[in-house]
Amino acid sequence: MSSLQILGSMPDASLFNFPPANPPAPLPPAHVPASILRPFNIPDNLYVSALDARVPLTIAAVYAVSANLLNQYN
């Protein structure tokens, strides 16, 4: 009866570089005429800058500070 062998090794360290050296550019949203389903188009520069990692981190930090202050007030 043969025994099960599992061989493991650590992945190459270059896989864990953050931020990536050459990140792909985000695809801008398609520009379509205004309708009830899509009342406005998002400008390309606003869309790309909203994808920056600082945006959700800032929102999370503001939420944490405001929740903490409101809990202390309560």
N, C-alpha and C. Protein backbone atom coordinates (compact mmCIF):
# COMPACT_ATOMS: atom_id res chain seq x y z
N MET A 1 0.85 -1.16 0.00
CA MET A 1 0.00 0.00 0.00
C MET A 1 0.90 1.23 0.00
N SER A 2 0.64 2.14 -0.91
CA SER A 2 1.49 3.34 -0.99
C SER A 2 0.95 4.40 -0.03
N SER A 3 1.86 5.21 0.43
CA SER A 3 1.46 6.27 1.35
C SER A 3 1.29 7.59 0.58
N LEU A 4 0.44 8.43 1.09
CA LEU A 4 0.17 9.72 0.47
C LEU A 4 1.28 10.69 0.84
N GLN A 5 1.83 11.37 -0.16
CA GLN A 5 2.88 12.36 0.09
C GLN A 5 2.40 13.71 -0.42
N ILE A 6 2.58 14.72 0.42
CA ILE A 6 2.24 16.09 0.04
C ILE A 6 3.52 16.90 0.12
N LEU A 7 3.90 17.48 -0.99
CA LEU A 7 5.09 18.31 -1.02
C LEU A 7 4.66 19.76 -1.16
N GLY A 8 5.18 20.61 -0.31
CA GLY A 8 4.82 22.02 -0.36
C GLY A 8 6.06 22.88 -0.36
N SER A 9 5.94 24.03 -0.93
CA SER A 9 7.03 24.99 -0.91
C SER A 9 6.44 26.39 -0.90
N MET A 10 7.24 27.33 -0.48
CA MET A 10 6.79 28.72 -0.43
C MET A 10 6.77 29.29 -1.85
N PRO A 11 5.78 30.13 -2.17
CA PRO A 11 5.75 30.74 -3.50
C PRO A 11 6.86 31.79 -3.63
N ASP A 12 7.14 32.15 -4.86
CA ASP A 12 8.17 33.14 -5.14
C ASP A 12 7.78 34.48 -4.51
N ALA A 13 8.74 35.14 -3.86
CA ALA A 13 8.47 36.40 -3.16
C ALA A 13 8.03 37.51 -4.10
N SER A 14 8.38 37.43 -5.37
CA SER A 14 8.00 38.49 -6.31
C SER A 14 6.49 38.52 -6.55
N LEU A 15 5.79 37.46 -6.20
CA LEU A 15 4.33 37.44 -6.36
C LEU A 15 3.63 38.34 -5.35
N PHE A 16 4.32 38.70 -4.28
CA PHE A 16 3.70 39.45 -3.20
C PHE A 16 4.09 40.91 -3.18
N ASN A 17 4.57 41.46 -4.28
CA ASN A 17 4.90 42.88 -4.34
C ASN A 17 3.61 43.68 -4.37
N PHE A 18 3.52 44.68 -3.49
CA PHE A 18 2.35 45.55 -3.48
C PHE A 18 2.80 46.99 -3.40
N PRO A 19 2.33 47.86 -4.18
CA PRO A 19 1.40 47.66 -5.28
C PRO A 19 2.11 47.04 -6.47
N PRO A 20 1.38 46.46 -7.38
CA PRO A 20 2.01 45.83 -8.53
C PRO A 20 2.79 46.86 -9.36
N ALA A 21 3.83 46.39 -10.01
CA ALA A 21 4.70 47.29 -10.76
C ALA A 21 3.97 47.94 -11.93
N ASN A 22 3.25 47.19 -12.69
CA ASN A 22 2.53 47.71 -13.86
C ASN A 22 1.06 47.33 -13.79
N PRO A 23 0.29 48.02 -12.93
CA PRO A 23 -1.12 47.64 -12.86
C PRO A 23 -1.84 48.01 -14.15
N PRO A 24 -2.77 47.20 -14.57
CA PRO A 24 -3.51 47.53 -15.80
C PRO A 24 -4.42 48.74 -15.56
N ALA A 25 -4.57 49.54 -16.57
CA ALA A 25 -5.44 50.71 -16.47
C ALA A 25 -6.90 50.25 -16.43
N PRO A 26 -7.70 50.85 -15.55
CA PRO A 26 -9.11 50.44 -15.49
C PRO A 26 -9.86 50.87 -16.75
N LEU A 27 -10.81 50.07 -17.13
CA LEU A 27 -11.65 50.41 -18.28
C LEU A 27 -12.69 51.42 -17.84
N PRO A 28 -12.79 52.55 -18.51
CA PRO A 28 -13.79 53.55 -18.11
C PRO A 28 -15.19 53.05 -18.43
N PRO A 29 -16.18 53.56 -17.71
CA PRO A 29 -17.55 53.14 -18.02
C PRO A 29 -17.96 53.64 -19.40
N ALA A 30 -18.83 52.90 -20.02
CA ALA A 30 -19.30 53.26 -21.36
C ALA A 30 -20.18 54.51 -21.29
N HIS A 31 -20.00 55.39 -22.25
CA HIS A 31 -20.82 56.60 -22.31
C HIS A 31 -22.06 56.30 -23.16
N VAL A 32 -23.19 56.41 -22.51
CA VAL A 32 -24.47 56.16 -23.20
C VAL A 32 -25.36 57.39 -23.01
N PRO A 33 -26.32 57.56 -23.85
CA PRO A 33 -27.25 58.69 -23.67
C PRO A 33 -28.02 58.55 -22.36
N ALA A 34 -28.36 59.68 -21.79
CA ALA A 34 -29.09 59.68 -20.52
C ALA A 34 -30.45 59.01 -20.70
N SER A 35 -30.80 58.20 -19.70
CA SER A 35 -32.11 57.54 -19.72
C SER A 35 -32.57 57.39 -18.29
N ILE A 36 -33.71 56.77 -18.12
CA ILE A 36 -34.23 56.56 -16.76
C ILE A 36 -33.37 55.56 -16.01
N LEU A 37 -32.81 54.60 -16.72
CA LEU A 37 -31.97 53.60 -16.08
C LEU A 37 -30.58 54.13 -15.75
N ARG A 38 -30.11 55.08 -16.53
CA ARG A 38 -28.78 55.65 -16.30
C ARG A 38 -28.87 57.16 -16.53
N PRO A 39 -29.22 57.92 -15.49
CA PRO A 39 -29.53 59.34 -15.66
C PRO A 39 -28.31 60.23 -15.95
N PHE A 40 -27.10 59.75 -15.65
CA PHE A 40 -25.91 60.57 -15.92
C PHE A 40 -24.72 59.66 -16.18
N ASN A 41 -23.71 60.21 -16.83
CA ASN A 41 -22.46 59.50 -17.09
C ASN A 41 -21.41 59.96 -16.10
N ILE A 42 -20.61 59.04 -15.62
CA ILE A 42 -19.54 59.36 -14.69
C ILE A 42 -18.32 59.78 -15.50
N PRO A 43 -17.72 60.94 -15.19
CA PRO A 43 -16.51 61.34 -15.91
C PRO A 43 -15.38 60.32 -15.68
N ASP A 44 -14.57 60.12 -16.72
CA ASP A 44 -13.52 59.11 -16.65
C ASP A 44 -12.54 59.36 -15.51
N ASN A 45 -12.12 60.63 -15.31
CA ASN A 45 -11.13 60.92 -14.27
C ASN A 45 -11.70 60.67 -12.88
N LEU A 46 -12.98 60.94 -12.66
CA LEU A 46 -13.61 60.67 -11.36
C LEU A 46 -13.73 59.17 -11.12
N TYR A 47 -14.07 58.43 -12.15
CA TYR A 47 -14.18 56.97 -12.03
C TYR A 47 -12.84 56.35 -11.68
N VAL A 48 -11.78 56.76 -12.35
CA VAL A 48 -10.45 56.19 -12.10
C VAL A 48 -9.95 56.60 -10.72
N SER A 49 -10.16 57.85 -10.31
CA SER A 49 -9.66 58.27 -9.01
C SER A 49 -10.46 57.64 -7.87
N ALA A 50 -11.72 57.27 -8.10
CA ALA A 50 -12.51 56.60 -7.07
C ALA A 50 -12.04 55.18 -6.83
N LEU A 51 -11.32 54.60 -7.79
CA LEU A 51 -10.80 53.25 -7.63
C LEU A 51 -9.50 53.21 -6.84
N ASP A 52 -8.97 54.37 -6.47
CA ASP A 52 -7.74 54.43 -5.68
C ASP A 52 -8.00 53.82 -4.31
N ALA A 53 -7.00 53.14 -3.76
CA ALA A 53 -7.16 52.45 -2.47
C ALA A 53 -7.39 53.42 -1.33
N ARG A 54 -6.99 54.68 -1.48
CA ARG A 54 -7.17 55.63 -0.39
C ARG A 54 -8.63 55.99 -0.16
N VAL A 55 -9.47 55.84 -1.17
CA VAL A 55 -10.89 56.21 -1.04
C VAL A 55 -11.60 55.32 -0.02
N PRO A 56 -11.59 53.99 -0.16
CA PRO A 56 -12.28 53.18 0.85
C PRO A 56 -11.61 53.25 2.22
N LEU A 57 -10.29 53.43 2.25
CA LEU A 57 -9.61 53.56 3.54
C LEU A 57 -10.03 54.84 4.25
N THR A 58 -10.19 55.92 3.51
CA THR A 58 -10.64 57.18 4.10
C THR A 58 -12.08 57.05 4.60
N ILE A 59 -12.93 56.43 3.82
CA ILE A 59 -14.32 56.24 4.24
C ILE A 59 -14.38 55.39 5.51
N ALA A 60 -13.58 54.33 5.56
CA ALA A 60 -13.57 53.47 6.75
C ALA A 60 -13.04 54.23 7.97
N ALA A 61 -12.01 55.05 7.78
CA ALA A 61 -11.45 55.81 8.90
C ALA A 61 -12.45 56.84 9.41
N VAL A 62 -13.11 57.55 8.51
CA VAL A 62 -14.12 58.54 8.92
C VAL A 62 -15.27 57.85 9.64
N TYR A 63 -15.70 56.70 9.15
CA TYR A 63 -16.78 55.95 9.80
C TYR A 63 -16.36 55.51 11.20
N ALA A 64 -15.15 54.97 11.34
CA ALA A 64 -14.69 54.48 12.64
C ALA A 64 -14.59 55.62 13.65
N VAL A 65 -14.05 56.75 13.23
CA VAL A 65 -13.91 57.89 14.14
C VAL A 65 -15.27 58.44 14.52
N SER A 66 -16.16 58.60 13.54
CA SER A 66 -17.48 59.16 13.86
C SER A 66 -18.30 58.20 14.72
N ALA A 67 -18.22 56.90 14.47
CA ALA A 67 -18.94 55.94 15.31
C ALA A 67 -18.40 55.96 16.73
N ASN A 68 -17.09 56.07 16.87
CA ASN A 68 -16.49 56.12 18.19
C ASN A 68 -16.92 57.40 18.92
N LEU A 69 -16.89 58.53 18.25
CA LEU A 69 -17.29 59.78 18.88
C LEU A 69 -18.77 59.77 19.26
N LEU A 70 -19.62 59.23 18.39
CA LEU A 70 -21.05 59.16 18.72
C LEU A 70 -21.32 58.20 19.87
N ASN A 71 -20.56 57.11 19.96
CA ASN A 71 -20.72 56.19 21.09
C ASN A 71 -20.27 56.84 22.39
N GLN A 72 -19.22 57.64 22.34
CA GLN A 72 -18.78 58.34 23.55
C GLN A 72 -19.81 59.39 23.96
N TYR A 73 -20.43 60.05 22.99
CA TYR A 73 -21.44 61.05 23.28
C TYR A 73 -22.69 60.41 23.88
N ASN A 74 -23.01 59.23 23.43
CA ASN A 74 -24.19 58.53 23.89
C ASN A 74 -23.91 58.01 25.29
